[in-house]
Structures are given as structure tokens and as C-alpha cells.
Protein backbone atom coordinates (compact mmCIF):
# COMPACT_ATOMS: atom_id res chain seq x y z
CA UNK A 1 0.00 0.00 0.00
CA UNK A 2 1.47 3.34 -1.03
CA UNK A 3 1.82 6.16 1.48
CA UNK A 4 -0.82 8.26 -0.26
CA UNK A 5 -3.29 5.39 -0.34
CA UNK A 6 -2.75 4.70 3.34
CA UNK A 7 -3.22 8.37 4.13
CA UNK A 8 -6.45 8.42 2.12
CA UNK A 9 -7.80 5.47 4.09
CA UNK A 10 -6.92 7.11 7.38
CA UNK A 11 -8.65 10.30 6.26
CA UNK A 12 -11.78 8.34 5.34
CA UNK A 13 -11.83 6.57 8.71
CA UNK A 14 -11.33 9.89 10.51
CA UNK A 15 -14.23 11.44 8.58
CA UNK A 16 -16.53 8.54 9.42
CA UNK A 17 -15.66 8.73 13.11
CA UNK A 18 -16.16 12.51 13.11
CA UNK A 19 -19.58 12.21 11.44
CA UNK A 20 -20.70 9.57 13.93
CA UNK A 21 -19.59 11.71 16.87
CA UNK A 22 -21.21 14.87 15.47
CA UNK A 23 -24.44 12.93 14.92
CA UNK A 24 -24.84 12.08 18.59
CA UNK A 25 -23.22 15.22 20.03
CA UNK A 26 -26.52 17.19 20.31
CA UNK A 27 -27.87 14.44 22.58
CA UNK A 28 -25.68 16.05 25.23
CA UNK A 29 -28.13 18.28 27.09
CA UNK A 30 -26.03 21.41 27.24
CA UNK A 31 -26.50 24.98 26.01
CA UNK A 32 -22.96 25.26 24.62
CA UNK A 33 -23.04 26.77 21.16
CA UNK A 34 -20.60 24.31 19.54
CA UNK A 35 -22.93 21.47 20.55
CA UNK A 36 -26.27 23.09 19.74
CA UNK A 37 -25.14 24.13 16.25
CA UNK A 38 -25.08 20.47 15.22
CA UNK A 39 -28.85 20.34 15.58
CA UNK A 40 -29.11 22.23 12.29
CA UNK A 41 -27.37 20.17 9.56
CA UNK A 42 -28.86 16.77 10.31
CA UNK A 43 -29.96 16.27 6.69
CA UNK A 44 -26.52 17.23 5.40
CA UNK A 45 -24.72 15.00 7.90
CA UNK A 46 -27.03 12.12 6.98
CA UNK A 47 -26.11 12.59 3.32
CA UNK A 48 -22.41 12.56 4.20
CA UNK A 49 -22.89 9.37 6.19
CA UNK A 50 -24.40 7.71 3.12
CA UNK A 51 -21.50 8.88 0.94
CA UNK A 52 -18.79 7.81 3.38
CA UNK A 53 -20.54 4.48 3.96
CA UNK A 54 -20.40 3.79 0.23
CA UNK A 55 -16.74 4.87 0.17
CA UNK A 56 -15.93 2.42 2.99
CA UNK A 57 -17.47 -0.41 0.96
CA UNK A 58 -15.44 0.53 -2.11
CA UNK A 59 -12.17 0.91 -0.21
CA UNK A 60 -12.34 -1.98 2.27
CA UNK A 61 -14.90 -4.44 0.90
CA UNK A 62 -17.71 -6.03 2.86
CA UNK A 63 -15.59 -8.79 4.39
CA UNK A 64 -13.15 -6.40 6.02
CA UNK A 65 -13.45 -6.19 9.81
CA UNK A 66 -12.62 -2.50 9.58
CA UNK A 67 -15.55 -2.00 7.22
CA UNK A 68 -17.93 -3.99 9.40
CA UNK A 69 -16.95 -2.15 12.59
CA UNK A 70 -17.22 1.29 11.01
CA UNK A 71 -20.48 0.48 9.25
CA UNK A 72 -22.14 -0.34 12.56
CA UNK A 73 -21.41 3.23 13.61
CA UNK A 74 -22.49 4.66 10.24
CA UNK A 75 -25.82 2.80 10.21
CA UNK A 76 -26.58 3.70 13.84
CA UNK A 77 -25.70 7.37 13.28
CA UNK A 78 -27.72 7.50 10.05
CA UNK A 79 -30.76 5.98 11.74
CA UNK A 80 -30.40 8.50 14.59
CA UNK A 81 -30.24 11.42 12.17
CA UNK A 82 -33.19 10.25 10.09
CA UNK A 83 -35.31 9.73 13.22
CA UNK A 84 -35.13 13.49 13.82
CA UNK A 85 -36.36 14.68 10.42
CA UNK A 86 -38.42 11.72 9.19
CA UNK A 87 -41.64 13.44 10.29
CA UNK A 88 -41.10 16.16 7.67
CA UNK A 89 -41.07 13.75 4.75
CA UNK A 90 -44.48 12.95 3.19
CA UNK A 91 -46.40 10.66 3.50
CA UNK A 92 -45.72 10.96 7.23
CA UNK A 93 -49.05 11.91 8.90
CA UNK A 94 -49.71 15.64 9.08
CA UNK A 95 -49.62 17.15 12.55
CA UNK A 96 -51.93 19.99 11.43
CA UNK A 97 -54.74 18.87 9.14
CA UNK A 98 -55.23 20.38 5.70
CA UNK A 99 -58.29 22.59 5.40
CA UNK A 100 -60.84 21.94 2.72
CA UNK A 101 -63.25 24.78 2.29
CA UNK A 102 -62.96 27.58 4.81
CA UNK A 103 -65.21 30.64 5.26
CA UNK A 104 -63.30 33.80 4.40
CA UNK A 105 -64.03 35.31 7.80
CA UNK A 106 -62.10 32.43 9.43
CA UNK A 107 -59.05 32.61 7.15
CA UNK A 108 -55.76 34.19 8.18
CA UNK A 109 -52.74 34.74 5.92
CA UNK A 110 -49.27 35.56 7.24
CA UNK A 111 -45.97 36.43 5.59
CA UNK A 112 -42.73 36.03 7.56
CA UNK A 113 -39.55 37.62 6.16
CA UNK A 114 -36.12 37.94 7.69
CA UNK A 115 -35.06 40.81 5.46
CA UNK A 116 -31.34 40.98 6.50
CA UNK A 117 -30.21 44.23 8.07
CA UNK A 118 -27.72 45.08 5.29
CA UNK A 119 -30.13 44.26 2.45
CA UNK A 120 -31.35 47.39 0.63
CA UNK A 121 -33.37 45.72 -2.11
CA UNK A 122 -36.63 47.07 -0.70
CA UNK A 123 -38.73 46.88 -3.92
CA UNK A 124 -38.46 43.08 -4.07
CA UNK A 125 -40.23 42.71 -0.74
CA UNK A 126 -42.82 45.35 -1.62
CA UNK A 127 -43.65 43.50 -4.84
CA UNK A 128 -43.96 40.25 -2.90
CA UNK A 129 -46.37 41.83 -0.42
CA UNK A 130 -48.40 43.19 -3.33
CA UNK A 131 -48.60 39.72 -4.89
CA UNK A 132 -49.42 37.75 -1.73
CA UNK A 133 -51.44 40.40 0.10
CA UNK A 134 -51.08 38.82 3.57
CA UNK A 135 -53.25 39.84 6.50
CA UNK A 136 -50.17 39.94 8.74
CA UNK A 137 -46.64 40.89 7.72
CA UNK A 138 -43.71 40.14 10.06
CA UNK A 139 -40.31 41.59 9.19
CA UNK A 140 -37.22 40.54 11.11
CA UNK A 141 -33.82 42.31 11.14
CA UNK A 142 -35.15 45.64 9.82
CA UNK A 143 -33.09 48.76 10.40
CA UNK A 144 -34.04 52.40 9.90
CA UNK A 145 -33.83 52.03 6.11
CA UNK A 146 -36.41 49.28 6.10
CA UNK A 147 -38.74 51.23 8.37
CA UNK A 148 -38.66 54.12 5.90
CA UNK A 149 -39.06 51.87 2.84
CA UNK A 150 -42.27 50.38 4.23
CA UNK A 151 -44.08 53.72 4.18
CA UNK A 152 -46.08 52.78 1.01
CA UNK A 153 -47.72 49.96 3.01
CA UNK A 154 -49.08 52.22 5.75
CA UNK A 155 -52.60 52.52 4.30
CA UNK A 156 -52.91 48.81 3.63
CA UNK A 157 -51.62 47.89 7.10
CA UNK A 158 -52.92 50.46 9.58
CA UNK A 159 -51.90 48.43 12.65
CA UNK A 160 -48.16 48.48 13.25
CA UNK A 161 -45.60 47.70 15.95
CA UNK A 162 -42.09 48.77 15.07
CA UNK A 163 -38.64 48.54 16.62
CA UNK A 164 -36.00 48.81 13.89
CA UNK A 165 -32.53 48.31 15.36
CA UNK A 166 -28.90 48.23 14.14
CA UNK A 167 -28.16 44.92 15.89
CA UNK A 168 -29.93 42.44 13.50
CA UNK A 169 -32.77 41.86 15.98
CA UNK A 170 -35.18 44.58 14.88
CA UNK A 171 -38.82 43.71 14.36
CA UNK A 172 -41.71 45.28 12.47
CA UNK A 173 -45.17 43.75 12.70
CA UNK A 174 -47.86 45.07 10.35
CA UNK A 175 -51.49 43.98 10.16
CA UNK A 176 -54.63 44.86 8.25
CA UNK A 177 -56.65 43.13 10.98
CA UNK A 178 -57.48 45.01 14.17
CA UNK A 179 -54.52 44.42 16.46
CA UNK A 180 -53.95 45.04 20.16
CA UNK A 181 -50.71 44.27 21.93
CA UNK A 182 -47.11 45.31 22.28
CA UNK A 183 -43.47 44.63 21.61
CA UNK A 184 -41.54 43.43 24.65
CA UNK A 185 -38.09 42.29 25.71
CA UNK A 186 -38.50 39.01 27.55
CA UNK A 187 -34.86 38.29 28.37
CA UNK A 188 -32.53 40.67 26.55
CA UNK A 189 -32.91 44.45 26.13
CA UNK A 190 -31.92 44.43 22.46
CA UNK A 191 -34.02 41.45 21.36
CA UNK A 192 -37.72 42.32 20.95
CA UNK A 193 -40.64 39.95 20.56
CA UNK A 194 -44.35 40.65 20.17
CA UNK A 195 -47.60 39.41 21.66
CA UNK A 196 -50.83 40.72 20.14
CA UNK A 197 -54.48 39.85 19.67
CA UNK A 198 -55.67 39.73 16.08
CA UNK A 199 -59.39 40.12 15.42
CA UNK A 200 -60.50 38.08 12.41
CA UNK A 201 -63.25 39.38 10.10
CA UNK A 202 -65.72 37.06 11.82
CA UNK A 203 -64.98 38.71 15.17
CA UNK A 204 -62.95 35.94 16.82
CA UNK A 205 -59.66 36.87 18.51
CA UNK A 206 -56.43 34.98 17.96
CA UNK A 207 -53.26 35.44 20.01
CA UNK A 208 -50.17 35.94 17.86
CA UNK A 209 -46.57 35.71 19.09
CA UNK A 210 -43.67 36.95 16.94
CA UNK A 211 -40.17 35.82 17.90
CA UNK A 212 -36.57 36.21 16.79
CA UNK A 213 -34.24 34.99 19.57
CA UNK A 214 -30.47 34.92 19.34
CA UNK A 215 -28.86 31.85 17.73
CA UNK A 216 -26.10 29.77 19.31
CA UNK A 217 -22.80 30.92 17.87
CA UNK A 218 -19.23 31.56 19.07
CA UNK A 219 -19.34 33.47 22.34
CA UNK A 220 -23.11 33.07 22.75
CA UNK A 221 -24.66 29.82 23.94
CA UNK A 222 -28.28 28.79 23.34
CA UNK A 223 -29.61 29.32 26.87
CA UNK A 224 -31.38 32.61 26.19
CA UNK A 225 -32.97 31.35 22.96
CA UNK A 226 -34.16 28.17 24.65
CA UNK A 227 -35.54 30.06 27.66
CA UNK A 228 -37.48 32.48 25.47
CA UNK A 229 -39.09 29.67 23.48
CA UNK A 230 -40.07 27.79 26.62
CA UNK A 231 -41.41 30.95 28.29
CA UNK A 232 -43.61 31.69 25.26
CA UNK A 233 -44.75 28.06 25.26
CA UNK A 234 -45.93 28.46 28.83
CA UNK A 235 -47.81 31.64 27.95
CA UNK A 236 -49.57 29.84 25.10
CA UNK A 237 -50.70 27.00 27.37
CA UNK A 238 -51.75 29.42 30.14
CA UNK A 239 -53.84 31.44 27.67
CA UNK A 240 -55.47 28.27 26.39
CA UNK A 241 -57.12 29.97 23.41
CA UNK A 242 -56.33 29.96 19.68
CA UNK A 243 -52.66 30.93 19.34
CA UNK A 244 -49.94 31.22 16.71
CA UNK A 245 -46.17 31.44 17.16
CA UNK A 246 -44.24 32.64 14.11
CA UNK A 247 -40.79 33.96 13.34
CA UNK A 248 -37.15 33.18 12.75
CA UNK A 249 -36.62 31.01 15.83
CA UNK A 250 -32.94 30.38 15.02
CA UNK A 251 -33.66 26.73 15.66
CA UNK A 252 -34.81 23.72 13.68
CA UNK A 253 -38.08 22.04 14.54
CA UNK A 254 -36.41 18.67 15.22
CA UNK A 255 -34.14 20.00 17.99
CA UNK A 256 -34.65 19.09 21.64
CA UNK A 257 -35.58 22.70 22.43
CA UNK A 258 -38.26 22.94 19.74
CA UNK A 259 -39.74 19.62 20.80
CA UNK A 260 -39.81 20.81 24.41
CA UNK A 261 -41.49 24.04 23.30
CA UNK A 262 -44.25 22.10 21.54
CA UNK A 263 -44.86 19.90 24.57
CA UNK A 264 -44.95 22.87 26.93
CA UNK A 265 -47.26 24.90 24.67
CA UNK A 266 -49.47 22.07 23.42
CA UNK A 267 -48.84 23.40 19.90
CA UNK A 268 -48.42 21.70 16.54
CA UNK A 269 -45.87 22.10 13.75
CA UNK A 270 -47.41 23.05 10.41
CA UNK A 271 -44.52 21.42 8.49
CA UNK A 272 -44.90 17.88 9.85
CA UNK A 273 -46.07 15.56 7.06
CA UNK A 274 -45.73 18.31 4.45
CA UNK A 275 -42.03 18.93 3.87
CA UNK A 276 -38.95 20.74 5.14
CA UNK A 277 -39.67 24.14 3.58
CA UNK A 278 -36.08 25.34 4.20
CA UNK A 279 -35.69 29.11 4.49
CA UNK A 280 -31.99 29.49 5.39
CA UNK A 281 -29.55 29.95 3.79
CA UNK A 282 -30.67 31.50 0.52
CA UNK A 283 -27.09 31.65 -0.78
CA UNK A 284 -26.05 27.99 -0.52
CA UNK A 285 -28.55 25.37 -1.76
CA UNK A 286 -26.71 22.45 -0.14
CA UNK A 287 -26.64 24.14 3.27
CA UNK A 288 -30.31 24.84 3.88
CA UNK A 289 -32.58 24.07 6.78
CA UNK A 290 -35.88 25.42 8.15
CA UNK A 291 -35.30 28.32 10.57
CA UNK A 292 -38.51 30.31 10.00
CA UNK A 293 -41.49 28.59 11.58
CA UNK A 294 -45.18 28.68 12.30
CA UNK A 295 -46.62 26.71 15.20
CA UNK A 296 -50.34 26.67 15.91
CA UNK A 297 -52.71 25.57 18.66
CA UNK A 298 -55.17 22.76 17.78
CA UNK A 299 -57.73 25.37 16.69
CA UNK A 300 -56.25 25.65 13.18
CA UNK A 301 -55.91 23.81 9.90
CA UNK A 302 -53.47 24.65 7.10
CA UNK A 303 -54.57 25.94 3.72
CA UNK A 304 -51.16 26.78 2.24
CA UNK A 305 -47.44 26.96 3.00
CA UNK A 306 -45.12 28.49 0.41
CA UNK A 307 -41.43 29.36 0.52
CA UNK A 308 -41.23 32.53 -1.57
CA UNK A 309 -38.58 33.90 -3.94
CA UNK A 310 -35.38 35.50 -2.69
CA UNK A 311 -35.66 39.16 -1.68
CA UNK A 312 -31.91 39.76 -1.37
CA UNK A 313 -31.71 38.36 2.14
CA UNK A 314 -29.94 35.29 3.50
CA UNK A 315 -33.44 33.92 4.32
CA UNK A 316 -36.29 33.14 1.98
CA UNK A 317 -39.65 34.62 3.02
CA UNK A 318 -42.35 32.10 3.87
CA UNK A 319 -46.12 32.45 3.50
CA UNK A 320 -48.87 30.68 5.47
CA UNK A 321 -52.65 30.58 5.10
CA UNK A 322 -54.63 29.15 8.00
CA UNK A 323 -58.24 28.32 8.76
CA UNK A 324 -59.65 28.75 12.26
CA UNK A 325 -61.76 25.61 12.66
CA UNK A 326 -62.78 25.82 16.35
CA UNK A 327 -64.00 28.60 18.58
CA UNK A 328 -60.95 30.70 19.36
CA UNK A 329 -61.74 31.02 23.06
CA UNK A 330 -62.16 27.32 23.77
CA UNK A 331 -59.23 25.49 25.41
CA UNK A 332 -58.03 22.62 23.23
CA UNK A 333 -55.10 21.40 25.37
CA UNK A 334 -54.72 20.41 29.01
CA UNK A 335 -54.02 23.37 31.33
CA UNK A 336 -50.75 21.76 32.49
CA UNK A 337 -47.95 19.93 30.72
CA UNK A 338 -46.68 16.60 32.13
CA UNK A 339 -44.52 17.03 35.29
CA UNK A 340 -41.31 15.89 33.56
CA UNK A 341 -41.89 18.40 30.78
CA UNK A 342 -42.52 21.20 33.28
CA UNK A 343 -39.36 20.30 35.20
CA UNK A 344 -37.28 20.41 32.03
CA UNK A 345 -38.89 23.72 31.03
CA UNK A 346 -38.14 25.24 34.45
CA UNK A 347 -34.49 24.25 34.12
CA UNK A 348 -34.27 25.80 30.63
CA UNK A 349 -35.70 29.09 31.88
CA UNK A 350 -33.35 29.08 34.87
CA UNK A 351 -30.31 28.53 32.64
CA UNK A 352 -31.43 31.24 30.21
CA UNK A 353 -31.92 33.81 32.96
CA UNK A 354 -28.52 32.91 34.42
CA UNK A 355 -26.88 33.35 31.00
CA UNK A 356 -28.50 36.76 30.58
CA UNK A 357 -27.28 37.88 34.01
CA UNK A 358 -23.77 36.64 33.27
CA UNK A 359 -23.67 38.58 30.00
CA UNK A 360 -25.03 41.71 31.68
CA UNK A 361 -22.50 41.51 34.50
CA UNK A 362 -19.69 40.94 32.04
CA UNK A 363 -20.40 44.13 30.09
């Protein structure tokens, strides 16, 4: 065996081992950013496991003990990865039913767009709003330039909450439906979220939460993001009425945190059984995953989900049309989550608050 061939085999073995380790790393229940980031590329890692598994077969052959030992790890890691995102591949059963006919006074359309703070291609978004004509428009990452560019929409959307910021966490919420509520800062002063009541044409009120928490990245663990999601989940369950949570959650729906959020809130994921609908990143087709979400209480059915064309951002906008199928004020979930879920949620909130205090004290 030549030196280069031996080196190539060692590199292949090292890659297989690394992929297996990175597959199970997020099972470690920690908020550390370099662990939590591996929740995102599960589809990509699964694809690499398939490729490296085939390479092992070509290089070593099926009778090789090295091949057999490594393939046990590859198959186990691949099964683990697929178990996380299998629910988003049709024909897996839908978690939110598809609506047939729906009275217009029970329909609600929403457009979510992370516009990217540095993006100045304002007309592309305005054209998209004109085409889709959503009842509710949520813009994330807007700065002062975006706030000014949205002036032509003022007549169409008379209800508006706005906090454009230079830190990539600005938020503008616009609605044609009567809206009552406010922007707030649940954990961090520079990271707004919104909680409002939307009055549908038929007179029923729906609670709408808009979120854009910080992602886990170097120097910033996931504790604050996780705590905000769990805290909103508790609010949804406490309210008990028809509720929607939408936004760039900087998390994938198959992560431990998102699953905990759903259990705490008693909400459902509109993507399950329908597809991945990846919205990030717009620049690199092979590195995409769903970061922009819509979760609903059991009061709703789905009429449409569409990932929309690029508007110059690193995210694609996403459009939803829902049908309110039950009375908005009727509780559809138990008033309390299971004790183990509540205990885990309490710990997440505690860790998030502690992380916020540590950052504040370190400034």
C-alpha cells in the first residue's frame, strides 16, 4: 500500500468517526453553542454518512473487519439522524390537518420575512407583499432604512408595531386586521418579541406571538434562545385559546428545544407531514434548513405553506394561510404539561436567565 493510499484510508476513517460523533453530540443536554449548532445540519450530515458508507465499501470491501466495525457506527448514526427529520417527509401523517373549504371570515394569511439588516433591495419585498397580500406581515432584522421603505404599506396595514434596530434583531409587525398588543423584551434588552391579539373578520380573537431569539454561535450559547421559546410556550398553554407562534426562531423544529417548546405549549408544527420548507440559507442550496417557523394551537388547519422567492436576504420569506376551525376562546389542550416536561422547562428558563445575568454583569 502506497503512502498516499494509506493516508487516504486514514482520512476516510477519521471522517466517518467525526460524522458519527457529530451525529450524537446534540444528545448532550447542554447549552454550549458548539454542541447546539449540530442540531441544524442533520440532513446534510445524513447525506455525508451515506457517501462515506459507500466509500468504505469501495475501499475496504464487505468482508473487512474494519468495514464492518465502522459500518455499525455509520448505520446507527444515520438511523439517529433520520429519526429526527423523518416526520417532515411525506407521506408521514400531518400534525396539522389540511383545510378543505374555509369561510373567508375564518381565514388568516401571514408572511414572515427575515429581510437581512444590510439588504437594501426594498422593492423586491414590496412586490412580494403586493402579490401575496397577507393579513399579517412580520419583518425581522429591519433597520431604519427598512422602516422608511415600508411607508407605502401604511394605508394597507394600519396596525403596526415597530422597533428597527442596528443589531440584526429589529422587528416590524404590520397587520390589516385590528390588532392590540405590544413589543416586549422578555430576556434581553436588544431582542424584541411581540404578543398581540388579532381580530379576524368574523370577530374571533387569535393570540399571535412573533419571535426572533439569538442563535447559538461563538461566544453566545443557546440558553437565552431556549428560555425564550419555553417561556412563550408556557404563555400559550396558560392562555389556552387559539394561538400562533411565528418567526425566525434560530432553531430547527427537530431540535430538543423545539420539541420541548411544543410539549410545553401544546402546539403543533405546520410542516410535519408536508415537507422541510427550508428558508436558510438562501445563498447555498446544499446548506439549507428550516429556521422560519409557524406553530399553531389545535384550533387551526393549514390551507397553504409556500417558501417565496429570494428578496436579497440570506433567508427566503415564507407564507402561510390558515383556517380557524374551532371557537378561538375554547381550550383545546390540558391546562398543564406533564410534570417531567414542566421540570425540564423550568431548568431551561433558569439557565437562560442565568446566561443573561452573566452577560449583563460581564459588560
